[in-house]
Amino acid sequence: MRHSRTSAGLSVVVLALLAGCASSAGSGSGLSAEDVTGEWVEAGSEPRVYLELADDGALSGSDGCNQLTGAWEIDGSEVDFGDLGSTMMACEDVDTWLSGAGSATVSGDELTVLDADGTEIGTLERST
């Protein structure tokens, strides 16, 4: 009798674990790393404005004047950039909007960049 209780208890635990995996895999409400990783560029920008989001969570890029570095992570349906480090060169006639990035949303091949207050400051396109 003791053996069947242990088996039944183990079955319940296994089923609960499988149900948890199925519900998180099928949720569809958040981003995946595949949605985010890669190079994102501002179309037609000169000098070149871009972000490179690596598989390991590293971020690098340029706001058209300064080099950017930092880390990124997925937070539900947004990409959180945390604190970005930047060189501090002064460049004339260059809009350095990307240095103010705090987070972003992804819709297909478009990354909408938001500042720390959640206000849209620009967009980047997935590089092909």
Protein backbone atom coordinates (compact mmCIF):
# COMPACT_ATOMS: atom_id res chain seq x y z
CA MET A 1 0.00 0.00 0.00
CA ARG A 2 2.84 2.37 0.83
CA HIS A 3 4.35 1.94 -2.65
CA SER A 4 1.14 3.01 -4.43
CA ARG A 5 0.89 6.21 -2.32
CA THR A 6 4.45 7.14 -3.25
CA SER A 7 3.74 6.47 -6.92
CA ALA A 8 0.53 8.47 -6.79
CA GLY A 9 2.29 11.38 -5.07
CA LEU A 10 5.10 11.31 -7.60
CA SER A 11 2.57 11.28 -10.46
CA VAL A 12 0.88 14.39 -9.05
CA VAL A 13 4.21 16.22 -8.81
CA VAL A 14 5.19 15.26 -12.37
CA LEU A 15 1.82 16.34 -13.75
CA ALA A 16 2.04 19.69 -11.91
CA LEU A 17 5.51 20.32 -13.35
CA LEU A 18 4.37 19.46 -16.86
CA ALA A 19 1.32 21.73 -16.56
CA GLY A 20 3.54 24.61 -15.44
CA CYS A 21 5.86 24.13 -18.41
CA ALA A 22 2.96 23.97 -20.84
CA SER A 23 1.34 27.14 -19.52
CA SER A 24 4.53 29.22 -19.66
CA ALA A 25 5.51 27.92 -23.10
CA GLY A 26 2.11 28.70 -24.52
CA SER A 27 1.58 32.08 -22.87
CA GLY A 28 2.67 34.10 -25.92
CA SER A 29 2.45 37.37 -23.99
CA GLY A 30 6.19 38.03 -23.68
CA LEU A 31 9.19 38.41 -25.92
CA SER A 32 11.78 35.74 -26.54
CA ALA A 33 15.51 36.26 -26.99
CA GLU A 34 15.03 35.37 -30.66
CA ASP A 35 12.68 38.37 -31.04
CA VAL A 36 15.34 40.72 -29.70
CA THR A 37 18.90 39.57 -30.44
CA GLY A 38 20.78 40.93 -33.42
CA GLU A 39 21.58 44.30 -34.89
CA TRP A 40 19.06 47.16 -34.98
CA VAL A 41 19.78 50.27 -37.08
CA GLU A 42 18.26 53.67 -37.73
CA ALA A 43 17.35 53.66 -41.42
CA GLY A 44 19.38 56.15 -43.45
CA SER A 45 21.33 57.53 -40.51
CA GLU A 46 24.70 59.07 -41.16
CA PRO A 47 26.71 58.71 -39.04
CA ARG A 48 25.42 55.22 -38.32
CA VAL A 49 23.05 54.79 -35.33
CA TYR A 50 22.67 51.18 -34.14
CA LEU A 51 22.34 48.72 -31.26
CA GLU A 52 23.73 45.19 -31.20
CA LEU A 53 21.92 42.96 -28.72
CA ALA A 54 23.93 39.78 -28.09
CA ASP A 55 22.62 36.39 -26.98
CA ASP A 56 24.43 36.71 -23.65
CA GLY A 57 22.61 39.94 -22.71
CA ALA A 58 25.43 42.30 -23.74
CA LEU A 59 24.60 45.51 -25.59
CA SER A 60 26.85 47.63 -27.78
CA GLY A 61 26.20 50.33 -30.34
CA SER A 62 26.50 53.96 -31.31
CA ASP A 63 24.23 56.98 -31.05
CA GLY A 64 25.94 58.44 -34.11
CA CYS A 65 28.57 60.16 -32.00
CA ASN A 66 29.34 58.11 -28.88
CA GLN A 67 29.88 54.39 -28.37
CA LEU A 68 27.27 52.74 -26.14
CA THR A 69 27.72 49.69 -23.93
CA GLY A 70 25.58 47.92 -21.38
CA ALA A 71 23.26 45.00 -20.86
CA TRP A 72 19.71 44.12 -21.81
CA GLU A 73 17.07 41.74 -20.53
CA ILE A 74 13.53 40.85 -21.41
CA ASP A 75 10.91 42.09 -18.96
CA GLY A 76 7.59 40.68 -20.15
CA SER A 77 6.76 42.46 -23.40
CA GLU A 78 9.60 45.01 -23.16
CA VAL A 79 13.37 45.04 -23.43
CA ASP A 80 15.02 46.71 -20.44
CA PHE A 81 18.39 48.34 -21.17
CA GLY A 82 19.27 49.27 -17.60
CA ASP A 83 22.07 51.83 -17.33
CA LEU A 84 23.97 52.44 -20.56
CA GLY A 85 27.61 53.48 -20.51
CA SER A 86 28.76 55.92 -23.15
CA THR A 87 31.80 57.74 -24.36
CA MET A 88 31.40 61.49 -23.91
CA MET A 89 32.49 63.06 -27.20
CA ALA A 90 30.82 66.27 -28.32
CA CYS A 91 29.65 66.02 -31.91
CA GLU A 92 28.15 68.90 -33.85
CA ASP A 93 24.94 68.38 -35.83
CA VAL A 94 24.36 64.85 -34.49
CA ASP A 95 21.13 63.94 -32.69
CA THR A 96 22.30 61.59 -29.94
CA TRP A 97 18.77 60.45 -28.99
CA LEU A 98 19.78 56.79 -28.63
CA SER A 99 21.99 57.53 -25.62
CA GLY A 100 18.75 58.22 -23.68
CA ALA A 101 17.40 54.67 -24.19
CA GLY A 102 15.86 53.07 -21.13
CA SER A 103 13.75 50.31 -22.69
CA ALA A 104 12.13 49.24 -25.95
CA THR A 105 9.25 47.35 -27.45
CA VAL A 106 9.48 45.06 -30.47
CA SER A 107 6.92 44.74 -33.23
CA GLY A 108 8.15 42.51 -36.03
CA ASP A 109 11.31 44.10 -37.42
CA GLU A 110 10.89 47.41 -35.57
CA LEU A 111 12.38 48.28 -32.19
CA THR A 112 10.65 51.29 -30.61
CA VAL A 113 13.06 52.90 -28.17
CA LEU A 114 11.72 54.53 -25.00
CA ASP A 115 13.45 56.82 -22.52
CA ALA A 116 13.52 56.21 -18.74
CA ASP A 117 10.01 57.72 -18.44
CA GLY A 118 8.57 55.41 -21.11
CA THR A 119 8.31 58.13 -23.77
CA GLU A 120 9.10 57.08 -27.34
CA ILE A 121 12.36 58.66 -28.50
CA GLY A 122 12.98 56.83 -31.78
CA THR A 123 12.86 53.61 -33.77
CA LEU A 124 15.39 51.16 -35.11
CA GLU A 125 14.91 48.46 -37.75
CA ARG A 126 16.28 44.93 -37.67
CA SER A 127 19.38 44.81 -39.85
CA THR A 128 19.30 42.27 -42.66
